[in-house]
C-alpha atoms as a PDB file:
ATOM      1  CA  TYR A   1       0.000   0.000   0.000  1.00  0.00           C
ATOM      2  CA  VAL A   2       1.038   3.591  -0.580  1.00  0.00           C
ATOM      3  CA  TYR A   3       0.774   5.452   2.722  1.00  0.00           C
ATOM      4  CA  TRP A   4      -0.083   9.055   3.550  1.00  0.00           C
ATOM      5  CA  GLU A   5       3.560  10.153   3.604  1.00  0.00           C
ATOM      6  CA  SER A   6       3.538  10.156  -0.166  1.00  0.00           C
ATOM      7  CA  MET A   7       0.417  12.310  -0.452  1.00  0.00           C
ATOM      8  CA  THR A   8       1.154  15.313  -2.600  1.00  0.00           C
ATOM      9  CA  LEU A   9      -0.232  18.806  -2.214  1.00  0.00           C
ATOM     10  CA  ARG A  10      -1.897  18.307  -5.585  1.00  0.00           C
ATOM     11  CA  GLY A  11      -3.603  15.144  -4.272  1.00  0.00           C
ATOM     12  CA  PHE A  12      -4.785  16.999  -1.175  1.00  0.00           C
ATOM     13  CA  LEU A  13      -6.107  19.989  -3.124  1.00  0.00           C
ATOM     14  CA  SER A  14      -7.890  17.739  -5.624  1.00  0.00           C
ATOM     15  CA  LEU A  15      -9.415  15.817  -2.688  1.00  0.00           C
ATOM     16  CA  ARG A  16      -7.964  12.434  -3.655  1.00  0.00           C
ATOM     17  CA  CYS A  17      -7.677   9.365  -1.456  1.00  0.00           C
ATOM     18  CA  PRO A  18      -4.757  10.055   0.897  1.00  0.00           C
ATOM     19  CA  VAL A  19      -3.676   6.417   0.752  1.00  0.00           C
ATOM     20  CA  CYS A  20      -3.474   5.885  -3.020  1.00  0.00           C
ATOM     21  CA  GLU A  21      -4.472   9.226  -4.647  1.00  0.00           C
ATOM     22  CA  ASN A  22      -6.302   7.337  -7.414  1.00  0.00           C
ATOM     23  CA  THR A  23      -9.901   8.337  -6.653  1.00  0.00           C
ATOM     24  CA  LYS A  24     -11.758  11.292  -5.185  1.00  0.00           C
ATOM     25  CA  VAL A  25     -12.716  11.168  -1.506  1.00  0.00           C
ATOM     26  CA  PHE A  26     -16.145  12.734  -2.160  1.00  0.00           C
ATOM     27  CA  GLU A  27     -18.955  11.404  -4.353  1.00  0.00           C
ATOM     28  CA  GLY A  28     -21.103  14.523  -4.106  1.00  0.00           C
ATOM     29  CA  TYR A  29     -20.318  17.784  -2.390  1.00  0.00           C
ATOM     30  CA  PHE A  30     -20.629  16.367   1.136  1.00  0.00           C
ATOM     31  CA  ASP A  31     -20.873  12.578   0.596  1.00  0.00           C
ATOM     32  CA  THR A  32     -17.849  10.435   1.358  1.00  0.00           C
ATOM     33  CA  PRO A  33     -17.984   6.849   0.085  1.00  0.00           C
ATOM     34  CA  ASP A  34     -17.433   4.110   2.667  1.00  0.00           C
ATOM     35  CA  GLN A  35     -14.214   2.999   1.045  1.00  0.00           C
ATOM     36  CA  CYS A  36     -11.825   3.899  -1.754  1.00  0.00           C
ATOM     37  CA  PRO A  37     -12.747   1.923  -4.888  1.00  0.00           C
ATOM     38  CA  ALA A  38      -9.090   1.834  -5.991  1.00  0.00           C
ATOM     39  CA  CYS A  39      -7.164   0.705  -2.897  1.00  0.00           C
ATOM     40  CA  GLY A  40     -10.017  -0.520  -0.681  1.00  0.00           C
ATOM     41  CA  TYR A  41      -9.179   1.754   2.265  1.00  0.00           C
ATOM     42  CA  PHE A  42     -12.214   2.345   4.505  1.00  0.00           C
ATOM     43  CA  PHE A  43     -12.543   6.082   5.129  1.00  0.00           C
ATOM     44  CA  PHE A  44     -14.749   5.570   8.187  1.00  0.00           C
ATOM     45  CA  ARG A  45     -12.617   3.870  10.812  1.00  0.00           C
ATOM     46  CA  GLU A  46     -15.412   4.053  13.404  1.00  0.00           C
ATOM     47  CA  SER A  47     -18.752   5.665  14.149  1.00  0.00           C
ATOM     48  CA  GLY A  48     -18.362   9.461  14.303  1.00  0.00           C
ATOM     49  CA  TYR A  49     -14.946   9.272  12.671  1.00  0.00           C
ATOM     50  CA  PHE A  50     -15.243  12.567  10.796  1.00  0.00           C
ATOM     51  CA  LEU A  51     -16.635  14.523  13.783  1.00  0.00           C
ATOM     52  CA  PRO A  52     -13.315  16.347  14.461  1.00  0.00           C
ATOM     53  CA  HIS A  53     -13.586  17.990  11.042  1.00  0.00           C
ATOM     54  CA  VAL A  54     -16.233  20.261  12.569  1.00  0.00           C
ATOM     55  CA  ALA A  55     -13.681  21.883  14.889  1.00  0.00           C
ATOM     56  CA  ILE A  56     -11.179  22.221  12.045  1.00  0.00           C
ATOM     57  CA  GLY A  57     -13.823  23.795   9.802  1.00  0.00           C
ATOM     58  CA  TYR A  58     -15.027  26.101  12.562  1.00  0.00           C
ATOM     59  CA  GLY A  59     -11.518  27.277  13.384  1.00  0.00           C
ATOM     60  CA  GLY A  60     -10.665  27.930   9.742  1.00  0.00           C
ATOM     61  CA  THR A  61     -13.927  29.731   9.106  1.00  0.00           C
ATOM     62  CA  VAL A  62     -13.537  31.955  12.174  1.00  0.00           C
ATOM     63  CA  LEU A  63      -9.972  32.889  11.194  1.00  0.00           C
ATOM     64  CA  VAL A  64     -10.989  33.784   7.650  1.00  0.00           C
ATOM     65  CA  ALA A  65     -14.083  35.733   8.779  1.00  0.00           C
ATOM     66  CA  LEU A  66     -12.081  37.644  11.391  1.00  0.00           C
ATOM     67  CA  GLY A  67      -9.484  38.448   8.728  1.00  0.00           C
ATOM     68  CA  VAL A  68     -12.125  40.384   6.794  1.00  0.00           C
ATOM     69  CA  TRP A  69     -12.354  43.061   9.488  1.00  0.00           C
ATOM     70  CA  PRO A  70      -8.770  44.424   9.332  1.00  0.00           C
ATOM     71  CA  LEU A  71      -8.760  44.029   5.568  1.00  0.00           C
ATOM     72  CA  LEU A  72     -11.857  46.186   5.128  1.00  0.00           C
ATOM     73  CA  GLN A  73     -11.085  48.681   7.875  1.00  0.00           C
ATOM     74  CA  PHE A  74      -7.354  49.267   7.413  1.00  0.00           C
ATOM     75  CA  VAL A  75      -6.721  48.393   3.770  1.00  0.00           C
ATOM     76  CA  PHE A  76      -9.955  49.574   2.135  1.00  0.00           C
ATOM     77  CA  LYS A  77     -10.668  52.258   4.813  1.00  0.00           C
ATOM     78  CA  ILE A  78     -14.296  51.169   5.261  1.00  0.00           C
ATOM     79  CA  GLU A  79     -15.611  52.483   8.577  1.00  0.00           C
ATOM     80  CA  SER A  80     -19.214  51.319   8.414  1.00  0.00           C
ATOM     81  CA  ASP A  81     -19.731  48.642  11.073  1.00  0.00           C
ATOM     82  CA  SER A  82     -22.760  47.248   9.255  1.00  0.00           C
ATOM     83  CA  VAL A  83     -20.793  46.786   6.007  1.00  0.00           C
ATOM     84  CA  ILE A  84     -17.926  45.121   7.867  1.00  0.00           C
ATOM     85  CA  LEU A  85     -20.223  42.835   9.877  1.00  0.00           C
ATOM     86  CA  THR A  86     -22.256  41.882   6.806  1.00  0.00           C
ATOM     87  CA  SER A  87     -19.044  41.122   4.922  1.00  0.00           C
ATOM     88  CA  MET A  88     -17.723  39.004   7.795  1.00  0.00           C
ATOM     89  CA  VAL A  89     -20.943  36.978   8.064  1.00  0.00           C
ATOM     90  CA  THR A  90     -21.181  36.506   4.296  1.00  0.00           C
ATOM     91  CA  THR A  91     -17.541  35.438   4.128  1.00  0.00           C
ATOM     92  CA  ALA A  92     -18.061  33.000   7.009  1.00  0.00           C
ATOM     93  CA  LEU A  93     -21.074  31.395   5.313  1.00  0.00           C
ATOM     94  CA  VAL A  94     -19.483  31.089   1.877  1.00  0.00           C
ATOM     95  CA  PHE A  95     -16.056  30.012   3.120  1.00  0.00           C
ATOM     96  CA  GLY A  96     -17.566  27.640   5.715  1.00  0.00           C
ATOM     97  CA  ILE A  97     -19.563  25.766   3.091  1.00  0.00           C
ATOM     98  CA  TRP A  98     -16.614  25.662   0.683  1.00  0.00           C
ATOM     99  CA  PHE A  99     -14.156  24.562   3.403  1.00  0.00           C
ATOM    100  CA  VAL A 100     -16.172  21.567   4.697  1.00  0.00           C
ATOM    101  CA  ARG A 101     -14.574  19.108   2.285  1.00  0.00           C
ATOM    102  CA  TYR A 102     -11.070  20.411   2.954  1.00  0.00           C
ATOM    103  CA  ALA A 103     -11.665  20.209   6.724  1.00  0.00           C
ATOM    104  CA  LYS A 104     -12.673  16.546   6.302  1.00  0.00           C
ATOM    105  CA  MET A 105      -9.653  15.936   4.120  1.00  0.00           C
ATOM    106  CA  LEU A 106      -7.361  17.657   6.607  1.00  0.00           C
ATOM    107  CA  TRP A 107      -8.748  15.507   9.418  1.00  0.00           C
ATOM    108  CA  LEU A 108      -8.250  12.366   7.337  1.00  0.00           C
ATOM    109  CA  VAL A 109      -4.628  13.269   6.580  1.00  0.00           C
ATOM    110  CA  LEU A 110      -3.900  14.265  10.201  1.00  0.00           C
ATOM    111  CA  ASP A 111      -5.415  11.041  11.507  1.00  0.00           C
ATOM    112  CA  LEU A 112      -3.422   8.979   9.029  1.00  0.00           C
ATOM    113  CA  ALA A 113      -0.273  10.780  10.210  1.00  0.00           C
ATOM    114  CA  ILE A 114      -1.032   9.772  13.791  1.00  0.00           C
ATOM    115  CA  HIS A 115      -2.456   6.314  13.022  1.00  0.00           C
ATOM    116  CA  PRO A 116      -1.076   4.972   9.728  1.00  0.00           C
ATOM    117  CA  PRO A 117      -3.390   2.527   7.951  1.00  0.00           C
ATOM    118  CA  SER A 118      -3.164  -1.109   8.933  1.00  0.00           C
ATOM    119  CA  ARG A 119      -4.551  -4.249   7.302  1.00  0.00           C
ATOM    120  CA  GLU A 120      -7.760  -3.817   9.313  1.00  0.00           C
ATOM    121  CA  ASP A 121      -8.428  -0.499   7.580  1.00  0.00           C
ATOM    122  CA  PHE A 122      -8.756  -2.369   4.285  1.00  0.00           C
ATOM    123  CA  GLN A 123     -11.164  -5.015   5.664  1.00  0.00           C
ATOM    124  CA  SER A 124     -14.904  -4.602   6.110  1.00  0.00           C
ATOM    125  CA  ARG A 125     -15.056  -5.543   9.830  1.00  0.00           C
ATOM    126  CA  GLY A 126     -18.866  -5.364   9.659  1.00  0.00           C
ATOM    127  CA  ARG A 127     -18.995  -1.664   8.868  1.00  0.00           C
END
């Protein structure tokens, strides 16, 4: 098996399987298949496996939304609080929805760095 160490930035950005990089991790915008059709790696190691992606997504979204404030106020010299707040909320909504898949992918790669795949991760185990 090819392990996560060989995952390229291109594979990450194109949302490919971090184990083999042959197939996409997502079937639809939010749907992750149970396993990779190419290498057989089961993406869901256990119930609630992808739950930590919520914290990753939240943190990234908050950082990006908070970055809008100094950009608008100090770079573009916008002083209207309502314009800044509306821009921050809009940015948070748009970025948050876009970033969901990358947050899941980041969690998958981080988890594979901590717990490299074993033979069990390629077997059904009654999932």
